[in-house]
Amino acid sequence: MGIMEMDRRAGLAAGAMPPGTDTAGIVHRAILIRARSGSTCAIEYLKGQRVAGSVIRRVMTGESIRADDRRALALLASQA
């Protein structure tokens, strides 16, 4: 008996994030993923969360990173 797969994002427009998504939290996690596991993992995480390409570009280039994200990166670097 096969397992039926359901695309939970099928009802969303292409590139749209689900309503109520905590974009800041997703970006924060992506920044930490990038610091620990590299850019490829962070990009795949952001794509999986349906984050816009323009946001992914800013996160990966370090543009417009919030102060609390910079502090988190500094703390992570000090623990390494």
C-alpha atoms as a PDB file:
ATOM      1  CA  MET A   1       0.000   0.000   0.000  1.00  0.00           C
ATOM      2  CA  GLY A   2       1.574   3.281  -1.091  1.00  0.00           C
ATOM      3  CA  ILE A   3       1.665   6.414   0.978  1.00  0.00           C
ATOM      4  CA  MET A   4      -0.107   9.321  -0.600  1.00  0.00           C
ATOM      5  CA  GLU A   5       1.960  12.487  -0.567  1.00  0.00           C
ATOM      6  CA  MET A   6       0.330  15.830  -0.093  1.00  0.00           C
ATOM      7  CA  ASP A   7       1.985  19.108  -0.983  1.00  0.00           C
ATOM      8  CA  ARG A   8       1.205  21.267   2.036  1.00  0.00           C
ATOM      9  CA  ARG A   9       2.205  24.371   0.091  1.00  0.00           C
ATOM     10  CA  ALA A  10       0.034  23.645  -2.941  1.00  0.00           C
ATOM     11  CA  GLY A  11      -2.489  26.306  -1.971  1.00  0.00           C
ATOM     12  CA  LEU A  12       0.096  29.093  -1.923  1.00  0.00           C
ATOM     13  CA  ALA A  13       0.949  31.326  -4.831  1.00  0.00           C
ATOM     14  CA  ALA A  14       4.416  30.785  -6.268  1.00  0.00           C
ATOM     15  CA  GLY A  15       6.979  32.372  -3.981  1.00  0.00           C
ATOM     16  CA  ALA A  16       4.447  33.347  -1.336  1.00  0.00           C
ATOM     17  CA  MET A  17       5.093  32.689   2.331  1.00  0.00           C
ATOM     18  CA  PRO A  18       2.258  31.308   4.450  1.00  0.00           C
ATOM     19  CA  PRO A  19       0.233  33.907   6.371  1.00  0.00           C
ATOM     20  CA  GLY A  20       1.540  34.581   9.864  1.00  0.00           C
ATOM     21  CA  THR A  21       5.072  33.466   9.039  1.00  0.00           C
ATOM     22  CA  ASP A  22       7.731  34.859  11.360  1.00  0.00           C
ATOM     23  CA  THR A  23      10.115  36.086   8.674  1.00  0.00           C
ATOM     24  CA  ALA A  24      12.518  37.666  11.170  1.00  0.00           C
ATOM     25  CA  GLY A  25      12.819  34.362  13.024  1.00  0.00           C
ATOM     26  CA  ILE A  26      13.415  32.460   9.795  1.00  0.00           C
ATOM     27  CA  VAL A  27      16.122  34.914   8.739  1.00  0.00           C
ATOM     28  CA  HIS A  28      17.734  34.745  12.197  1.00  0.00           C
ATOM     29  CA  ARG A  29      17.883  30.930  12.010  1.00  0.00           C
ATOM     30  CA  ALA A  30      19.292  31.120   8.479  1.00  0.00           C
ATOM     31  CA  ILE A  31      22.079  33.440   9.630  1.00  0.00           C
ATOM     32  CA  LEU A  32      23.008  31.008  12.394  1.00  0.00           C
ATOM     33  CA  ILE A  33      22.801  28.055   9.987  1.00  0.00           C
ATOM     34  CA  ARG A  34      25.135  29.901   7.621  1.00  0.00           C
ATOM     35  CA  ALA A  35      27.628  30.502  10.433  1.00  0.00           C
ATOM     36  CA  ARG A  36      27.587  26.852  11.526  1.00  0.00           C
ATOM     37  CA  SER A  37      26.961  24.862   8.358  1.00  0.00           C
ATOM     38  CA  GLY A  38      27.689  27.157   5.425  1.00  0.00           C
ATOM     39  CA  SER A  39      25.852  29.158   2.830  1.00  0.00           C
ATOM     40  CA  THR A  40      24.433  26.210   0.907  1.00  0.00           C
ATOM     41  CA  CYS A  41      22.566  24.900   3.947  1.00  0.00           C
ATOM     42  CA  ALA A  42      21.270  28.368   4.793  1.00  0.00           C
ATOM     43  CA  ILE A  43      20.075  28.975   1.244  1.00  0.00           C
ATOM     44  CA  GLU A  44      18.276  25.631   1.128  1.00  0.00           C
ATOM     45  CA  TYR A  45      16.637  26.392   4.483  1.00  0.00           C
ATOM     46  CA  LEU A  46      15.448  29.791   3.245  1.00  0.00           C
ATOM     47  CA  LYS A  47      14.152  28.314  -0.008  1.00  0.00           C
ATOM     48  CA  GLY A  48      12.313  25.639   1.960  1.00  0.00           C
ATOM     49  CA  GLN A  49      10.680  28.375   4.009  1.00  0.00           C
ATOM     50  CA  ARG A  50       9.633  30.131   0.775  1.00  0.00           C
ATOM     51  CA  VAL A  51      11.622  33.291   1.495  1.00  0.00           C
ATOM     52  CA  ALA A  52      11.885  35.739  -1.413  1.00  0.00           C
ATOM     53  CA  GLY A  53      15.081  35.696  -3.467  1.00  0.00           C
ATOM     54  CA  SER A  54      15.801  39.335  -2.640  1.00  0.00           C
ATOM     55  CA  VAL A  55      15.784  38.497   1.082  1.00  0.00           C
ATOM     56  CA  ILE A  56      17.979  35.444   0.531  1.00  0.00           C
ATOM     57  CA  ARG A  57      20.464  37.629  -1.336  1.00  0.00           C
ATOM     58  CA  ARG A  58      20.580  40.185   1.514  1.00  0.00           C
ATOM     59  CA  VAL A  59      21.028  37.474   4.149  1.00  0.00           C
ATOM     60  CA  MET A  60      23.810  35.734   2.223  1.00  0.00           C
ATOM     61  CA  THR A  61      25.715  38.943   1.458  1.00  0.00           C
ATOM     62  CA  GLY A  62      25.382  40.298   4.989  1.00  0.00           C
ATOM     63  CA  GLU A  63      23.499  43.409   3.903  1.00  0.00           C
ATOM     64  CA  SER A  64      20.996  44.872   6.348  1.00  0.00           C
ATOM     65  CA  ILE A  65      21.587  42.373   9.137  1.00  0.00           C
ATOM     66  CA  ARG A  66      19.875  43.469  12.333  1.00  0.00           C
ATOM     67  CA  ALA A  67      21.861  44.339  15.440  1.00  0.00           C
ATOM     68  CA  ASP A  68      20.531  41.345  17.396  1.00  0.00           C
ATOM     69  CA  ASP A  69      21.605  39.018  14.581  1.00  0.00           C
ATOM     70  CA  ARG A  70      25.092  40.562  14.610  1.00  0.00           C
ATOM     71  CA  ARG A  71      25.288  39.972  18.383  1.00  0.00           C
ATOM     72  CA  ALA A  72      24.194  36.356  17.933  1.00  0.00           C
ATOM     73  CA  LEU A  73      26.905  35.832  15.306  1.00  0.00           C
ATOM     74  CA  ALA A  74      29.513  37.401  17.581  1.00  0.00           C
ATOM     75  CA  LEU A  75      28.453  35.136  20.442  1.00  0.00           C
ATOM     76  CA  LEU A  76      28.586  32.092  18.182  1.00  0.00           C
ATOM     77  CA  ALA A  77      32.058  33.065  16.969  1.00  0.00           C
ATOM     78  CA  SER A  78      33.290  33.504  20.552  1.00  0.00           C
ATOM     79  CA  GLN A  79      32.106  29.978  21.426  1.00  0.00           C
ATOM     80  CA  ALA A  80      33.997  28.381  18.540  1.00  0.00           C
END
